[in-house]
Amino acid sequence: MSAVLKPAIVLRPMVEADLAAVIPVENAIYAFPWTPGNFRDSLAAGYSCWMYERDGELIGYAAMMHATDESHLLNLSIVAGAQMQGYGSQLLAQLCEIARERGSRLFFLEVRPSNAAALRLYERNGFQRIGLRRDYYPAHAGREDALIFGLQL
């Protein structure tokens, strides 16, 4: 009988050298991606930025900021070839745990109303719509609103 090994999935802090792998993914999965400067600024500000890897291969990444008893998810992305396999929920659960460990009681995020997959992900994981930011995101035809979601941790 042979043993089947599960792939090793690791969440580790992002460093600037990781941007060489992150930026092509960001550009491939978003019409309006974060720029290298957005990632560098987040790292320089000390935001909580993470790499999510399976057997050493990038499957996702995230950025969030913490302030007193709140955390704010800024970016959660899963590479195209790893989407719809549960990695988004797994990564989100780990981010919620990090937020709890840092003393957060509330976790916030913004999401495009047109991003149906992200809406399903957040709603499945207990986030609830709590507000709206008008004209928050760039869009092909002007601007798109952002739905604000929150989760009590």
Protein backbone atom coordinates (compact mmCIF):
# COMPACT_ATOMS: atom_id res chain seq x y z
CA MET A 1 0.00 0.00 0.00
CA SER A 2 1.41 3.39 -0.92
CA ALA A 3 0.75 6.57 0.95
CA VAL A 4 -0.62 9.56 -0.91
CA LEU A 5 0.97 12.75 0.33
CA LYS A 6 -1.13 15.88 0.52
CA PRO A 7 0.52 18.92 -1.02
CA ALA A 8 2.21 21.17 1.53
CA ILE A 9 0.29 24.44 1.72
CA VAL A 10 2.14 27.29 3.39
CA LEU A 11 1.16 30.84 4.30
CA ARG A 12 4.21 33.03 4.72
CA PRO A 13 4.92 36.77 4.89
CA MET A 14 5.37 38.50 1.55
CA VAL A 15 8.66 40.26 0.86
CA GLU A 16 9.49 42.66 -1.96
CA ALA A 17 11.30 39.94 -3.93
CA ASP A 18 7.94 38.09 -4.17
CA LEU A 19 6.54 40.84 -6.38
CA ALA A 20 8.23 39.25 -9.40
CA ALA A 21 5.75 36.36 -9.02
CA VAL A 22 2.78 38.39 -7.75
CA ILE A 23 2.61 41.13 -10.39
CA PRO A 24 2.10 38.83 -13.43
CA VAL A 25 -0.71 37.03 -11.58
CA GLU A 26 -2.32 40.32 -10.55
CA ASN A 27 -2.17 41.56 -14.15
CA ALA A 28 -3.63 38.30 -15.48
CA ILE A 29 -6.65 38.07 -13.18
CA TYR A 30 -7.78 41.71 -12.88
CA ALA A 31 -8.86 44.29 -15.42
CA PHE A 32 -7.66 46.98 -12.99
CA PRO A 33 -4.78 45.35 -11.09
CA TRP A 34 -2.79 46.68 -8.21
CA THR A 35 0.45 48.23 -9.41
CA PRO A 36 3.89 47.22 -8.17
CA GLY A 37 3.81 50.52 -6.29
CA ASN A 38 0.62 49.52 -4.48
CA PHE A 39 2.30 46.35 -3.23
CA ARG A 40 5.55 48.13 -2.34
CA ASP A 41 3.64 50.80 -0.43
CA SER A 42 1.71 48.13 1.49
CA LEU A 43 4.93 46.36 2.43
CA ALA A 44 6.64 49.63 3.39
CA ALA A 45 3.67 50.63 5.55
CA GLY A 46 3.97 47.38 7.45
CA TYR A 47 0.66 45.97 6.27
CA SER A 48 0.08 42.28 6.74
CA CYS A 49 1.00 40.89 3.29
CA TRP A 50 1.03 37.16 2.63
CA MET A 51 2.06 34.55 0.09
CA TYR A 52 -0.02 31.37 -0.17
CA GLU A 53 1.94 28.50 -1.70
CA ARG A 54 1.37 24.83 -2.49
CA ASP A 55 4.55 22.76 -2.68
CA GLY A 56 6.51 26.00 -3.19
CA GLU A 57 4.28 27.23 -6.05
CA LEU A 58 2.25 30.43 -5.71
CA ILE A 59 -1.48 29.79 -5.48
CA GLY A 60 -2.53 33.08 -3.89
CA TYR A 61 -1.61 36.17 -1.94
CA ALA A 62 -3.26 38.74 0.29
CA ALA A 63 -2.78 42.12 1.90
CA MET A 64 -4.58 43.50 4.93
CA MET A 65 -4.09 46.25 7.45
CA HIS A 66 -4.74 46.18 11.16
CA ALA A 67 -5.72 49.11 13.38
CA THR A 68 -6.65 48.71 17.04
CA ASP A 69 -9.55 46.24 17.04
CA GLU A 70 -10.27 46.21 13.29
CA SER A 71 -8.69 44.64 10.23
CA HIS A 72 -9.30 45.61 6.62
CA LEU A 73 -8.75 43.19 3.73
CA LEU A 74 -7.14 45.09 0.86
CA ASN A 75 -6.39 42.32 -1.62
CA LEU A 76 -7.09 38.58 -1.71
CA SER A 77 -6.18 36.83 -4.93
CA ILE A 78 -5.97 33.23 -6.10
CA VAL A 79 -4.05 32.43 -9.30
CA ALA A 80 -6.33 31.57 -12.23
CA GLY A 81 -5.36 27.88 -12.35
CA ALA A 82 -6.10 27.40 -8.64
CA GLN A 83 -9.49 29.16 -8.50
CA MET A 84 -12.70 27.28 -7.62
CA GLN A 85 -10.79 24.68 -5.57
CA GLY A 86 -11.42 26.04 -2.08
CA TYR A 87 -8.16 27.94 -1.75
CA GLY A 88 -9.90 31.30 -1.43
CA SER A 89 -11.92 30.09 1.57
CA GLN A 90 -8.84 28.49 3.13
CA LEU A 91 -6.79 31.65 2.72
CA LEU A 92 -9.61 33.83 4.00
CA ALA A 93 -9.99 31.63 7.11
CA GLN A 94 -6.28 31.98 7.83
CA LEU A 95 -6.46 35.76 7.40
CA CYS A 96 -9.38 35.90 9.83
CA GLU A 97 -7.31 33.94 12.35
CA ILE A 98 -4.37 36.33 11.93
CA ALA A 99 -6.73 39.27 12.45
CA ARG A 100 -8.10 37.66 15.64
CA GLU A 101 -4.57 37.01 16.91
CA ARG A 102 -3.77 40.70 16.39
CA GLY A 103 -6.76 41.72 18.49
CA SER A 104 -9.28 42.52 15.77
CA ARG A 105 -12.94 42.10 16.55
CA LEU A 106 -14.16 43.32 13.15
CA PHE A 107 -12.93 42.50 9.65
CA PHE A 108 -13.89 44.72 6.70
CA LEU A 109 -13.46 44.61 2.94
CA GLU A 110 -14.71 46.19 -0.26
CA VAL A 111 -15.78 44.20 -3.29
CA ARG A 112 -17.08 45.05 -6.73
CA PRO A 113 -20.78 44.22 -7.23
CA SER A 114 -19.73 42.71 -10.58
CA ASN A 115 -17.35 40.23 -8.91
CA ALA A 116 -19.81 37.39 -8.39
CA ALA A 117 -17.17 34.84 -7.36
CA ALA A 118 -15.80 37.12 -4.64
CA LEU A 119 -19.30 37.95 -3.40
CA ARG A 120 -20.04 34.22 -3.04
CA LEU A 121 -16.73 33.65 -1.26
CA TYR A 122 -17.31 36.37 1.31
CA GLU A 123 -20.98 35.55 1.90
CA ARG A 124 -20.19 31.82 2.29
CA ASN A 125 -17.64 32.74 4.92
CA GLY A 126 -20.00 34.82 7.03
CA PHE A 127 -19.33 38.34 5.78
CA GLN A 128 -22.39 40.57 5.58
CA ARG A 129 -23.01 43.66 3.49
CA ILE A 130 -22.86 46.73 5.71
CA GLY A 131 -22.49 49.63 3.28
CA LEU A 132 -21.68 51.08 -0.11
CA ARG A 133 -18.89 53.30 -1.42
CA ARG A 134 -20.06 55.11 -4.53
CA ASP A 135 -17.69 55.28 -7.52
CA TYR A 136 -14.92 53.53 -5.59
CA TYR A 137 -13.36 51.38 -8.32
CA PRO A 138 -12.18 52.30 -11.83
CA ALA A 139 -14.26 50.65 -14.54
CA HIS A 140 -14.25 50.48 -18.32
CA ALA A 141 -17.21 52.84 -18.42
CA GLY A 142 -16.36 55.32 -15.66
CA ARG A 143 -16.45 54.07 -12.07
CA GLU A 144 -18.00 51.16 -10.18
CA ASP A 145 -19.38 51.21 -6.64
CA ALA A 146 -17.89 49.06 -3.89
CA LEU A 147 -19.95 46.96 -1.55
CA ILE A 148 -18.61 47.08 1.99
CA PHE A 149 -18.72 43.79 3.86
CA GLY A 150 -17.95 43.11 7.49
CA LEU A 151 -17.46 40.14 9.75
CA GLN A 152 -17.50 40.02 13.54
CA LEU A 153 -14.52 37.93 14.62
